[in-house]
Amino acid sequence: MIVVFPLPSYDDAFHDVNIQDKRFFQSPGLHRQHSFRVPPNPDKMVSAETIGSIFIKVFKLALNLVILIIYRTGYGGDFLGVGGTWNLNEEKSPDAEIVASGVFVGYFIYTSVQLITFCFGTTKLKRELSDTIMNVVGTFMWIAVGGTALHYWHGFQPEYDFQQITSERTAGLAMGSLCVVTGALYLADSVLAFIHYAKHENSKY
């Protein structure tokens, strides 16, 4: 005579296990759980070059805003301009004013967008070659505009007036000097941007 004993059901096997432990054993990923260390994301790592670049960009943006205000209202509340004529007794050059206004407004927008990008926690832009190129171009453009303004306003004399020191002349010289300083900041930012780009390229190999 063969006696057949019924096999215990799945619920009977875990009868003495509390509900919390039972859910743990029934977890389908019980035997597949492993501990992995997530590698750091290079786009969100903060280095000394990144911090320095952010401070430089904030300083550039502040100087750019001051230059725009002087450029627009430095002539006793009216338009000041950078001049741009080699004959200092002539009117200001429209071509020079177009280039200067493009540099002032264009780089103000560009630097603002870069800082907003950093606020979102990503530094991917700093490793792109376009950032280095924009900073190098900005270096030459800002120094060129600043040199033009310094040349014009250094020999400026108001009409029917032989005074060498006037408020608009002082404002023009200040604007030109700030443009040269801004160009130097773009040069420093170019070096930092190239360091970021070189590190990124070396990490590929």
N, C-alpha and C. Protein backbone atom coordinates (compact mmCIF):
# COMPACT_ATOMS: atom_id res chain seq x y z
N MET A 1 0.85 -1.20 0.00
CA MET A 1 0.00 0.00 0.00
C MET A 1 0.88 1.24 0.00
N ILE A 2 0.61 2.13 -0.95
CA ILE A 2 1.42 3.36 -1.09
C ILE A 2 0.62 4.52 -0.55
N VAL A 3 1.24 5.21 0.37
CA VAL A 3 0.58 6.39 0.96
C VAL A 3 1.17 7.63 0.32
N VAL A 4 0.32 8.45 -0.22
CA VAL A 4 0.75 9.69 -0.88
C VAL A 4 0.42 10.86 0.02
N PHE A 5 1.45 11.58 0.40
CA PHE A 5 1.25 12.78 1.23
C PHE A 5 1.20 14.02 0.32
N PRO A 6 0.24 14.84 0.52
CA PRO A 6 0.14 16.05 -0.33
C PRO A 6 1.31 17.00 -0.05
N LEU A 7 1.85 17.56 -1.13
CA LEU A 7 2.93 18.53 -0.99
C LEU A 7 2.38 19.83 -0.42
N PRO A 8 3.17 20.46 0.42
CA PRO A 8 2.69 21.74 0.98
C PRO A 8 2.59 22.80 -0.11
N SER A 9 1.58 23.59 0.01
CA SER A 9 1.40 24.67 -0.96
C SER A 9 2.41 25.79 -0.71
N TYR A 10 2.43 26.73 -1.65
CA TYR A 10 3.37 27.86 -1.54
C TYR A 10 3.05 28.71 -0.32
N ASP A 11 1.76 28.88 -0.05
CA ASP A 11 1.36 29.69 1.11
C ASP A 11 1.67 28.97 2.41
N ASP A 12 1.54 27.61 2.42
CA ASP A 12 1.84 26.88 3.65
C ASP A 12 3.32 26.94 3.98
N ALA A 13 4.16 26.97 2.94
CA ALA A 13 5.60 27.01 3.19
C ALA A 13 6.01 28.28 3.90
N PHE A 14 5.27 29.33 3.65
CA PHE A 14 5.59 30.62 4.27
C PHE A 14 4.54 31.01 5.31
N HIS A 15 3.93 30.01 5.90
CA HIS A 15 2.88 30.29 6.88
C HIS A 15 3.42 30.99 8.10
N ASP A 16 4.63 30.55 8.52
CA ASP A 16 5.21 31.12 9.73
C ASP A 16 6.03 32.38 9.48
N VAL A 17 6.06 32.83 8.26
CA VAL A 17 6.83 34.03 7.94
C VAL A 17 5.89 35.22 7.94
N ASN A 18 6.31 36.30 8.57
CA ASN A 18 5.43 37.46 8.62
C ASN A 18 5.28 38.06 7.23
N ILE A 19 4.34 38.95 7.13
CA ILE A 19 3.99 39.49 5.82
C ILE A 19 5.16 40.25 5.20
N GLN A 20 5.89 40.98 6.02
CA GLN A 20 7.00 41.77 5.49
C GLN A 20 8.09 40.87 4.93
N ASP A 21 8.44 39.78 5.67
CA ASP A 21 9.46 38.86 5.18
C ASP A 21 8.96 38.11 3.95
N LYS A 22 7.67 37.80 3.93
CA LYS A 22 7.12 37.08 2.80
C LYS A 22 7.22 37.91 1.52
N ARG A 23 6.94 39.19 1.63
CA ARG A 23 7.08 40.06 0.46
C ARG A 23 8.54 40.14 0.02
N PHE A 24 9.43 40.08 1.00
CA PHE A 24 10.86 40.14 0.66
C PHE A 24 11.28 38.92 -0.13
N PHE A 25 10.83 37.70 0.33
CA PHE A 25 11.22 36.47 -0.36
C PHE A 25 10.52 36.34 -1.71
N GLN A 26 9.34 36.92 -1.85
CA GLN A 26 8.61 36.83 -3.11
C GLN A 26 9.09 37.86 -4.12
N SER A 27 10.01 38.72 -3.74
CA SER A 27 10.49 39.75 -4.64
C SER A 27 11.19 39.11 -5.83
N PRO A 28 10.76 39.44 -7.06
CA PRO A 28 11.37 38.78 -8.23
C PRO A 28 12.83 39.16 -8.43
N GLY A 29 13.25 40.28 -7.89
CA GLY A 29 14.64 40.69 -8.08
C GLY A 29 15.52 40.35 -6.91
N LEU A 30 15.09 39.33 -6.09
CA LEU A 30 15.83 39.00 -4.88
C LEU A 30 17.24 38.53 -5.20
N HIS A 31 17.34 37.65 -6.21
CA HIS A 31 18.64 37.06 -6.53
C HIS A 31 19.41 37.88 -7.56
N ARG A 32 18.80 38.98 -7.98
CA ARG A 32 19.47 39.79 -8.98
C ARG A 32 19.93 41.13 -8.43
N GLN A 33 19.75 41.33 -7.13
CA GLN A 33 20.14 42.60 -6.54
C GLN A 33 21.64 42.61 -6.29
N HIS A 34 22.29 43.64 -6.82
CA HIS A 34 23.71 43.81 -6.63
C HIS A 34 23.98 45.26 -6.27
N SER A 35 25.10 45.48 -5.70
CA SER A 35 25.49 46.84 -5.31
C SER A 35 26.50 47.37 -6.32
N PHE A 36 26.08 48.39 -7.05
CA PHE A 36 26.94 49.00 -8.04
C PHE A 36 27.25 50.43 -7.61
N ARG A 37 28.45 50.85 -7.85
CA ARG A 37 28.86 52.24 -7.59
C ARG A 37 28.73 53.02 -8.88
N VAL A 38 27.87 54.03 -8.87
CA VAL A 38 27.62 54.81 -10.07
C VAL A 38 28.80 55.73 -10.32
N PRO A 39 29.39 55.67 -11.51
CA PRO A 39 30.53 56.55 -11.79
C PRO A 39 30.09 58.00 -11.84
N PRO A 40 30.94 58.92 -11.47
CA PRO A 40 30.56 60.33 -11.49
C PRO A 40 30.32 60.82 -12.90
N ASN A 41 29.35 61.71 -13.02
CA ASN A 41 29.01 62.29 -14.31
C ASN A 41 29.96 63.44 -14.61
N PRO A 42 30.77 63.35 -15.68
CA PRO A 42 31.73 64.43 -15.94
C PRO A 42 31.07 65.75 -16.27
N ASP A 43 29.79 65.71 -16.72
CA ASP A 43 29.12 66.96 -17.06
C ASP A 43 28.71 67.75 -15.83
N LYS A 44 28.71 67.10 -14.64
CA LYS A 44 28.28 67.78 -13.42
C LYS A 44 29.39 67.90 -12.40
N MET A 45 30.61 67.56 -12.79
CA MET A 45 31.73 67.70 -11.88
C MET A 45 32.20 69.16 -11.86
N VAL A 46 32.53 69.65 -10.69
CA VAL A 46 32.97 71.03 -10.53
C VAL A 46 34.46 71.02 -10.24
N SER A 47 35.24 71.62 -11.13
CA SER A 47 36.68 71.70 -10.98
C SER A 47 37.07 73.14 -10.69
N ALA A 48 38.35 73.33 -10.42
CA ALA A 48 38.85 74.68 -10.16
C ALA A 48 38.71 75.55 -11.40
N GLU A 49 38.91 74.95 -12.59
CA GLU A 49 38.76 75.71 -13.82
C GLU A 49 37.32 76.16 -14.02
N THR A 50 36.37 75.29 -13.65
CA THR A 50 34.96 75.65 -13.79
C THR A 50 34.59 76.80 -12.88
N ILE A 51 35.03 76.75 -11.63
CA ILE A 51 34.73 77.83 -10.68
C ILE A 51 35.34 79.14 -11.16
N GLY A 52 36.60 79.07 -11.62
CA GLY A 52 37.24 80.28 -12.13
C GLY A 52 36.53 80.84 -13.34
N SER A 53 36.08 79.96 -14.23
CA SER A 53 35.37 80.41 -15.42
C SER A 53 34.05 81.07 -15.07
N ILE A 54 33.35 80.54 -14.07
CA ILE A 54 32.07 81.14 -13.66
C ILE A 54 32.29 82.53 -13.10
N PHE A 55 33.29 82.70 -12.24
CA PHE A 55 33.58 84.02 -11.67
C PHE A 55 33.97 85.01 -12.77
N ILE A 56 34.77 84.56 -13.73
CA ILE A 56 35.16 85.45 -14.82
C ILE A 56 33.94 85.87 -15.65
N LYS A 57 33.04 84.93 -15.91
CA LYS A 57 31.85 85.24 -16.70
C LYS A 57 30.95 86.23 -15.97
N VAL A 58 30.82 86.08 -14.66
CA VAL A 58 30.01 87.04 -13.89
C VAL A 58 30.64 88.43 -13.97
N PHE A 59 31.96 88.51 -13.84
CA PHE A 59 32.66 89.79 -13.92
C PHE A 59 32.52 90.38 -15.32
N LYS A 60 32.64 89.55 -16.36
CA LYS A 60 32.47 90.02 -17.73
C LYS A 60 31.07 90.58 -17.95
N LEU A 61 30.07 89.89 -17.43
CA LEU A 61 28.70 90.34 -17.62
C LEU A 61 28.46 91.68 -16.93
N ALA A 62 29.02 91.85 -15.73
CA ALA A 62 28.86 93.12 -15.02
C ALA A 62 29.54 94.27 -15.77
N LEU A 63 30.77 94.04 -16.24
CA LEU A 63 31.46 95.07 -17.01
C LEU A 63 30.73 95.38 -18.32
N ASN A 64 30.21 94.35 -18.95
CA ASN A 64 29.47 94.55 -20.20
C ASN A 64 28.25 95.43 -19.98
N LEU A 65 27.55 95.23 -18.88
CA LEU A 65 26.38 96.05 -18.58
C LEU A 65 26.77 97.50 -18.34
N VAL A 66 27.86 97.72 -17.59
CA VAL A 66 28.33 99.09 -17.34
C VAL A 66 28.73 99.77 -18.65
N ILE A 67 29.42 99.03 -19.52
CA ILE A 67 29.84 99.60 -20.81
C ILE A 67 28.62 99.96 -21.65
N LEU A 68 27.61 99.11 -21.66
CA LEU A 68 26.39 99.42 -22.41
C LEU A 68 25.73 100.70 -21.91
N ILE A 69 25.69 100.88 -20.60
CA ILE A 69 25.07 102.09 -20.04
C ILE A 69 25.86 103.33 -20.44
N ILE A 70 27.19 103.27 -20.31
CA ILE A 70 28.02 104.42 -20.70
C ILE A 70 27.89 104.67 -22.20
N TYR A 71 27.89 103.63 -22.98
CA TYR A 71 27.80 103.75 -24.44
C TYR A 71 26.50 104.44 -24.86
N ARG A 72 25.43 104.15 -24.16
CA ARG A 72 24.12 104.69 -24.55
C ARG A 72 23.83 106.05 -23.93
N THR A 73 24.29 106.31 -22.72
CA THR A 73 23.89 107.53 -22.01
C THR A 73 25.08 108.37 -21.54
N GLY A 74 26.29 108.10 -22.04
CA GLY A 74 27.47 108.79 -21.52
C GLY A 74 27.65 110.22 -21.98
N TYR A 75 26.90 110.66 -22.97
CA TYR A 75 27.04 112.02 -23.49
C TYR A 75 25.97 112.91 -22.85
N GLY A 76 26.08 113.12 -21.56
CA GLY A 76 25.10 113.94 -20.86
C GLY A 76 23.70 113.38 -20.92
N GLY A 77 23.58 112.06 -20.90
CA GLY A 77 22.29 111.40 -21.00
C GLY A 77 21.94 110.96 -22.41
N ASP A 78 22.72 111.41 -23.39
CA ASP A 78 22.48 111.03 -24.78
C ASP A 78 23.50 109.98 -25.23
N PHE A 79 23.39 109.59 -26.50
CA PHE A 79 24.26 108.56 -27.06
C PHE A 79 25.71 109.04 -27.07
N LEU A 80 26.63 108.18 -26.57
CA LEU A 80 28.05 108.54 -26.52
C LEU A 80 28.80 108.00 -27.74
N GLY A 81 28.78 106.68 -27.93
CA GLY A 81 29.47 106.08 -29.07
C GLY A 81 30.95 105.88 -28.82
N VAL A 82 31.58 105.18 -29.76
CA VAL A 82 33.01 104.92 -29.65
C VAL A 82 33.83 105.78 -30.59
N GLY A 83 33.18 106.54 -31.47
CA GLY A 83 33.93 107.38 -32.41
C GLY A 83 34.26 106.60 -33.66
N GLY A 84 35.53 106.26 -33.80
CA GLY A 84 35.95 105.41 -34.91
C GLY A 84 36.51 106.14 -36.10
N THR A 85 36.69 107.46 -36.06
CA THR A 85 37.29 108.18 -37.17
C THR A 85 38.72 108.56 -36.83
N TRP A 86 39.59 108.49 -37.81
CA TRP A 86 40.98 108.85 -37.57
C TRP A 86 41.17 110.36 -37.57
N ASN A 87 40.30 111.10 -38.24
CA ASN A 87 40.30 112.55 -38.12
C ASN A 87 39.41 112.91 -36.94
N LEU A 88 40.00 113.36 -35.87
CA LEU A 88 39.25 113.50 -34.62
C LEU A 88 38.25 114.64 -34.66
N ASN A 89 38.27 115.46 -35.69
CA ASN A 89 37.31 116.55 -35.79
C ASN A 89 36.06 116.15 -36.57
N GLU A 90 36.05 114.95 -37.13
CA GLU A 90 34.91 114.52 -37.91
C GLU A 90 33.85 113.89 -37.01
N GLU A 91 32.72 113.58 -37.62
CA GLU A 91 31.66 112.91 -36.90
C GLU A 91 32.05 111.45 -36.65
N LYS A 92 31.32 110.83 -35.75
CA LYS A 92 31.58 109.42 -35.43
C LYS A 92 31.28 108.55 -36.65
N SER A 93 32.03 107.47 -36.76
CA SER A 93 31.87 106.56 -37.90
C SER A 93 30.70 105.62 -37.66
N PRO A 94 29.70 105.59 -38.57
CA PRO A 94 28.58 104.65 -38.40
C PRO A 94 29.03 103.19 -38.41
N ASP A 95 30.04 102.88 -39.23
CA ASP A 95 30.53 101.50 -39.30
C ASP A 95 31.09 101.05 -37.96
N ALA A 96 31.87 101.93 -37.33
CA ALA A 96 32.45 101.59 -36.02
C ALA A 96 31.35 101.42 -34.97
N GLU A 97 30.31 102.24 -35.05
CA GLU A 97 29.22 102.13 -34.07
C GLU A 97 28.43 100.84 -34.26
N ILE A 98 28.26 100.41 -35.51
CA ILE A 98 27.55 99.15 -35.76
C ILE A 98 28.33 97.98 -35.18
N VAL A 99 29.64 97.96 -35.42
CA VAL A 99 30.46 96.87 -34.90
C VAL A 99 30.48 96.90 -33.37
N ALA A 100 30.64 98.09 -32.79
CA ALA A 100 30.71 98.20 -31.33
C ALA A 100 29.41 97.76 -30.68
N SER A 101 28.29 98.23 -31.21
CA SER A 101 27.00 97.84 -30.61
C SER A 101 26.77 96.34 -30.76
N GLY A 102 27.21 95.76 -31.89
CA GLY A 102 27.08 94.31 -32.06
C GLY A 102 27.90 93.54 -31.05
N VAL A 103 29.12 94.01 -30.78
CA VAL A 103 29.97 93.35 -29.79
C VAL A 103 29.36 93.47 -28.40
N PHE A 104 28.91 94.67 -28.04
CA PHE A 104 28.36 94.89 -26.70
C PHE A 104 27.12 94.04 -26.45
N VAL A 105 26.16 94.13 -27.35
CA VAL A 105 24.88 93.42 -27.16
C VAL A 105 25.06 91.91 -27.39
N GLY A 106 25.81 91.55 -28.42
CA GLY A 106 25.96 90.13 -28.74
C GLY A 106 26.64 89.35 -27.63
N TYR A 107 27.74 89.88 -27.10
CA TYR A 107 28.45 89.16 -26.05
C TYR A 107 27.74 89.26 -24.71
N PHE A 108 26.91 90.27 -24.52
CA PHE A 108 26.09 90.31 -23.30
C PHE A 108 25.09 89.16 -23.31
N ILE A 109 24.46 88.93 -24.45
CA ILE A 109 23.50 87.83 -24.56
C ILE A 109 24.22 86.49 -24.44
N TYR A 110 25.35 86.35 -25.12
CA TYR A 110 26.08 85.08 -25.11
C TYR A 110 26.54 84.71 -23.70
N THR A 111 27.11 85.66 -22.98
CA THR A 111 27.58 85.38 -21.62
C THR A 111 26.42 85.08 -20.69
N SER A 112 25.29 85.77 -20.87
CA SER A 112 24.11 85.51 -20.04
C SER A 112 23.60 84.09 -20.25
N VAL A 113 23.57 83.64 -21.50
CA VAL A 113 23.11 82.28 -21.80
C VAL A 113 24.05 81.25 -21.17
N GLN A 114 25.35 81.50 -21.21
CA GLN A 114 26.30 80.58 -20.59
C GLN A 114 26.06 80.46 -19.09
N LEU A 115 25.86 81.57 -18.42
CA LEU A 115 25.63 81.53 -16.97
C LEU A 115 24.32 80.83 -16.64
N ILE A 116 23.29 81.05 -17.45
CA ILE A 116 22.02 80.35 -17.23
C ILE A 116 22.21 78.85 -17.40
N THR A 117 23.03 78.45 -18.36
CA THR A 117 23.32 77.02 -18.56
C THR A 117 24.00 76.42 -17.34
N PHE A 118 24.95 77.15 -16.74
CA PHE A 118 25.62 76.67 -15.54
C PHE A 118 24.63 76.53 -14.38
N CYS A 119 23.62 77.41 -14.33
CA CYS A 119 22.64 77.35 -13.24
C CYS A 119 21.81 76.07 -13.30
N PHE A 120 21.69 75.46 -14.46
CA PHE A 120 20.94 74.21 -14.60
C PHE A 120 21.79 72.99 -14.23
N GLY A 121 23.01 73.22 -13.75
CA GLY A 121 23.83 72.13 -13.23
C GLY A 121 24.62 71.37 -14.25
N THR A 122 24.73 71.86 -15.47
CA THR A 122 25.51 71.16 -16.48
C THR A 122 26.70 72.02 -16.90
N THR A 123 27.83 71.36 -17.13
CA THR A 123 29.04 72.05 -17.59
C THR A 123 29.50 71.47 -18.91
N LYS A 124 28.58 70.90 -19.65
CA LYS A 124 28.94 70.28 -20.93
C LYS A 124 29.46 71.31 -21.92
N LEU A 125 28.90 72.53 -21.85
CA LEU A 125 29.29 73.56 -22.80
C LEU A 125 30.76 73.91 -22.69
N LYS A 126 31.32 73.83 -21.48
CA LYS A 126 32.71 74.25 -21.28
C LYS A 126 33.69 73.35 -22.01
N ARG A 127 33.27 72.12 -22.38
CA ARG A 127 34.17 71.18 -23.04
C ARG A 127 34.04 71.22 -24.56
N GLU A 128 33.28 72.16 -25.07
CA GLU A 128 33.11 72.27 -26.51
C GLU A 128 34.06 73.31 -27.08
N LEU A 129 34.51 73.07 -28.30
CA LEU A 129 35.47 73.97 -28.94
C LEU A 129 34.86 75.33 -29.24
N SER A 130 33.54 75.39 -29.41
CA SER A 130 32.89 76.66 -29.72
C SER A 130 33.08 77.68 -28.61
N ASP A 131 33.13 77.25 -27.37
CA ASP A 131 33.34 78.17 -26.25
C ASP A 131 34.72 78.82 -26.35
N THR A 132 35.73 78.03 -26.69
CA THR A 132 37.08 78.57 -26.85
C THR A 132 37.14 79.57 -28.00
N ILE A 133 36.50 79.23 -29.12
CA ILE A 133 36.52 80.12 -30.29
C ILE A 133 35.82 81.44 -29.98
N MET A 134 34.67 81.38 -29.32
CA MET A 134 33.95 82.60 -28.98
C MET A 134 34.76 83.49 -28.05
N ASN A 135 35.47 82.90 -27.13
CA ASN A 135 36.29 83.70 -26.21
C ASN A 135 37.49 84.32 -26.92
N VAL A 136 38.10 83.58 -27.84
CA VAL A 136 39.24 84.13 -28.58
C VAL A 136 38.79 85.29 -29.48
N VAL A 137 37.67 85.09 -30.18
CA VAL A 137 37.13 86.17 -31.01
C VAL A 137 36.75 87.37 -30.15
N GLY A 138 36.15 87.10 -29.00
CA GLY A 138 35.78 88.19 -28.10
C GLY A 138 36.99 88.98 -27.61
N THR A 139 38.10 88.30 -27.40
CA THR A 139 39.32 89.00 -26.97
C THR A 139 39.73 90.06 -27.98
N PHE A 140 39.80 89.67 -29.25
CA PHE A 140 40.21 90.61 -30.29
C PHE A 140 39.16 91.71 -30.51
N MET A 141 37.89 91.35 -30.48
CA MET A 141 36.84 92.33 -30.75
C MET A 141 36.76 93.38 -29.64
N TRP A 142 36.82 92.96 -28.40
CA TRP A 142 36.73 93.91 -27.28
C TRP A 142 37.94 94.83 -27.24
N ILE A 143 39.12 94.29 -27.48
CA ILE A 143 40.32 95.14 -27.48
C ILE A 143 40.29 96.10 -28.66
N ALA A 144 39.81 95.65 -29.82
CA ALA A 144 39.73 96.53 -30.98
C ALA A 144 38.75 97.68 -30.75
N VAL A 145 37.58 97.36 -30.20
CA VAL A 145 36.60 98.41 -29.91
C VAL A 145 37.12 99.36 -28.84
N GLY A 146 37.74 98.80 -27.80
CA GLY A 146 38.29 99.65 -26.75
C GLY A 146 39.40 100.55 -27.25
N GLY A 147 40.27 100.02 -28.11
CA GLY A 147 41.34 100.84 -28.68
C GLY A 147 40.79 101.96 -29.55
N THR A 148 39.73 101.67 -30.32
CA THR A 148 39.10 102.70 -31.14
C THR A 148 38.51 103.80 -30.28
N ALA A 149 37.84 103.42 -29.20
CA ALA A 149 37.25 104.42 -28.31
C ALA A 149 38.33 105.26 -27.62
N LEU A 150 39.40 104.63 -27.18
CA LEU A 150 40.48 105.38 -26.53
C LEU A 150 41.14 106.35 -27.51
N HIS A 151 41.33 105.90 -28.74
CA HIS A 151 41.94 106.78 -29.74
C HIS A 151 41.06 108.00 -30.02
N TYR A 152 39.77 107.77 -30.17
CA TYR A 152 38.86 108.87 -30.51
C TYR A 152 38.71 109.85 -29.36
N TRP A 153 38.42 109.34 -28.18
CA TRP A 153 38.10 110.22 -27.06
C TRP A 153 39.34 110.82 -26.42
N HIS A 154 40.51 110.29 -26.68
CA HIS A 154 41.73 110.89 -26.13
C HIS A 154 41.98 112.28 -26.73
N GLY A 155 41.71 112.43 -28.02
CA GLY A 155 41.91 113.73 -28.66
C GLY A 155 40.63 114.50 -28.89
N PHE A 156 39.56 114.10 -28.22
CA PHE A 156 38.27 114.74 -28.45
C PHE A 156 38.25 116.14 -27.86
N GLN A 157 37.70 117.09 -28.64
CA GLN A 157 37.43 118.44 -28.17
C GLN A 157 36.01 118.80 -28.59
N PRO A 158 35.21 119.27 -27.65
CA PRO A 158 33.85 119.65 -28.03
C PRO A 158 33.85 120.83 -28.99
N GLU A 159 32.80 120.93 -29.76
CA GLU A 159 32.71 121.99 -30.76
C GLU A 159 32.68 123.36 -30.09
N TYR A 160 33.45 124.29 -30.63
CA TYR A 160 33.57 125.65 -30.11
C TYR A 160 34.08 125.67 -28.68
N ASP A 161 34.86 124.70 -28.31
CA ASP A 161 35.38 124.64 -26.94
C ASP A 161 36.76 124.01 -27.00
N PHE A 162 37.73 124.63 -26.36
CA PHE A 162 39.10 124.14 -26.38
C PHE A 162 39.48 123.44 -25.07
N GLN A 163 38.51 123.13 -24.25
CA GLN A 163 38.81 122.42 -23.02
C GLN A 163 39.15 120.96 -23.34
N GLN A 164 40.23 120.50 -22.75
CA GLN A 164 40.67 119.13 -22.98
C GLN A 164 39.94 118.13 -22.08
N ILE A 165 39.40 118.58 -20.97
CA ILE A 165 38.74 117.68 -20.02
C ILE A 165 37.25 118.02 -19.98
N THR A 166 36.43 117.14 -20.47
CA THR A 166 34.98 117.29 -20.44
C THR A 166 34.37 116.00 -19.93
N SER A 167 33.11 116.09 -19.56
CA SER A 167 32.44 114.90 -19.01
C SER A 167 32.31 113.80 -20.05
N GLU A 168 31.98 114.16 -21.30
CA GLU A 168 31.83 113.13 -22.33
C GLU A 168 33.18 112.52 -22.70
N ARG A 169 34.24 113.32 -22.68
CA ARG A 169 35.57 112.79 -22.96
C ARG A 169 35.98 111.80 -21.87
N THR A 170 35.73 112.16 -20.62
CA THR A 170 36.05 111.25 -19.52
C THR A 170 35.26 109.96 -19.62
N ALA A 171 33.97 110.09 -19.97
CA ALA A 171 33.13 108.90 -20.12
C ALA A 171 33.63 108.02 -21.26
N GLY A 172 34.06 108.64 -22.36
CA GLY A 172 34.58 107.87 -23.48
C GLY A 172 35.86 107.14 -23.15
N LEU A 173 36.76 107.81 -22.43
CA LEU A 173 38.00 107.15 -22.02
C LEU A 173 37.73 106.01 -21.04
N ALA A 174 36.77 106.23 -20.14
CA ALA A 174 36.42 105.17 -19.19
C ALA A 174 35.83 103.97 -19.92
N MET A 175 34.97 104.23 -20.90
CA MET A 175 34.38 103.14 -21.67
C MET A 175 35.44 102.36 -22.43
N GLY A 176 36.38 103.08 -23.06
CA GLY A 176 37.44 102.39 -23.79
C GLY A 176 38.32 101.55 -22.88
N SER A 177 38.63 102.08 -21.70
CA SER A 177 39.46 101.33 -20.75
C SER A 177 38.75 100.07 -20.28
N LEU A 178 37.44 100.19 -20.00
CA LEU A 178 36.68 99.02 -19.57
C LEU A 178 36.59 97.97 -20.68
N CYS A 179 36.54 98.41 -21.92
CA CYS A 179 36.52 97.46 -23.04
C CYS A 179 37.83 96.67 -23.11
N VAL A 180 38.95 97.35 -22.89
CA VAL A 180 40.24 96.66 -22.90
C VAL A 180 40.32 95.66 -21.75
N VAL A 181 39.83 96.06 -20.56
CA VAL A 181 39.82 95.14 -19.41
C VAL A 181 38.94 93.93 -19.71
N THR A 182 37.79 94.16 -20.33
CA THR A 182 36.91 93.05 -20.70
C THR A 182 37.59 92.12 -21.70
N GLY A 183 38.35 92.69 -22.64
CA GLY A 183 39.10 91.85 -23.57
C GLY A 183 40.11 90.97 -22.87
N ALA A 184 40.77 91.52 -21.83
CA ALA A 184 41.72 90.72 -21.05
C ALA A 184 41.00 89.58 -20.32
N LEU A 185 39.79 89.83 -19.83
CA LEU A 185 39.01 88.77 -19.18
C LEU A 185 38.63 87.68 -20.17
N TYR A 186 38.30 88.07 -21.39
CA TYR A 186 37.99 87.07 -22.41
C TYR A 186 39.23 86.25 -22.76
N LEU A 187 40.40 86.87 -22.69
CA LEU A 187 41.63 86.11 -22.92
C LEU A 187 41.84 85.07 -21.83
N ALA A 188 41.62 85.46 -20.56
CA ALA A 188 41.74 84.51 -19.46
C ALA A 188 40.72 83.39 -19.57
N ASP A 189 39.50 83.74 -19.98
CA ASP A 189 38.46 82.72 -20.14
C ASP A 189 38.78 81.80 -21.32
N SER A 190 39.48 82.33 -22.32
CA SER A 190 39.89 81.49 -23.45
C SER A 190 40.86 80.40 -22.99
N VAL A 191 41.78 80.77 -22.11
CA VAL A 191 42.74 79.79 -21.59
C VAL A 191 42.02 78.70 -20.81
N LEU A 192 41.08 79.10 -19.94
CA LEU A 192 40.32 78.11 -19.16
C LEU A 192 39.47 77.22 -20.07
N ALA A 193 38.85 77.82 -21.07
CA ALA A 193 38.03 77.03 -22.00
C ALA A 193 38.89 76.03 -22.77
N PHE A 194 40.09 76.42 -23.15
CA PHE A 194 40.97 75.49 -23.86
C PHE A 194 41.42 74.36 -22.94
N ILE A 195 41.64 74.65 -21.66
CA ILE A 195 42.01 73.60 -20.70
C ILE A 195 40.88 72.58 -20.58
N HIS A 196 39.63 73.06 -20.49
CA HIS A 196 38.49 72.15 -20.43
C HIS A 196 38.43 71.28 -21.68
N TYR A 197 38.61 71.90 -22.83
CA TYR A 197 38.53 71.15 -24.09
C TYR A 197 39.65 70.12 -24.20
N ALA A 198 40.86 70.50 -23.80
CA ALA A 198 42.00 69.58 -23.88
C ALA A 198 41.81 68.39 -22.94
N LYS A 199 41.31 68.64 -21.73
CA LYS A 199 41.06 67.55 -20.79
C LYS A 199 40.02 66.58 -21.33
N HIS A 200 38.99 67.13 -21.96
CA HIS A 200 37.94 66.27 -22.51
C HIS A 200 38.48 65.41 -23.65
N GLU A 201 39.31 65.99 -24.50
CA GLU A 201 39.87 65.23 -25.61
C GLU A 201 40.83 64.15 -25.12
N ASN A 202 41.62 64.47 -24.09
CA ASN A 202 42.57 63.47 -23.56
C ASN A 202 41.85 62.32 -22.86
N SER A 203 40.67 62.60 -22.30
CA SER A 203 39.93 61.55 -21.59
C SER A 203 39.36 60.51 -22.55
N LYS A 204 39.34 60.80 -23.83
CA LYS A 204 38.81 59.84 -24.81
C LYS A 204 39.80 58.72 -25.08
N TYR A 205 41.07 58.93 -24.76
CA TYR A 205 42.10 57.94 -25.09
C TYR A 205 42.65 57.28 -23.84
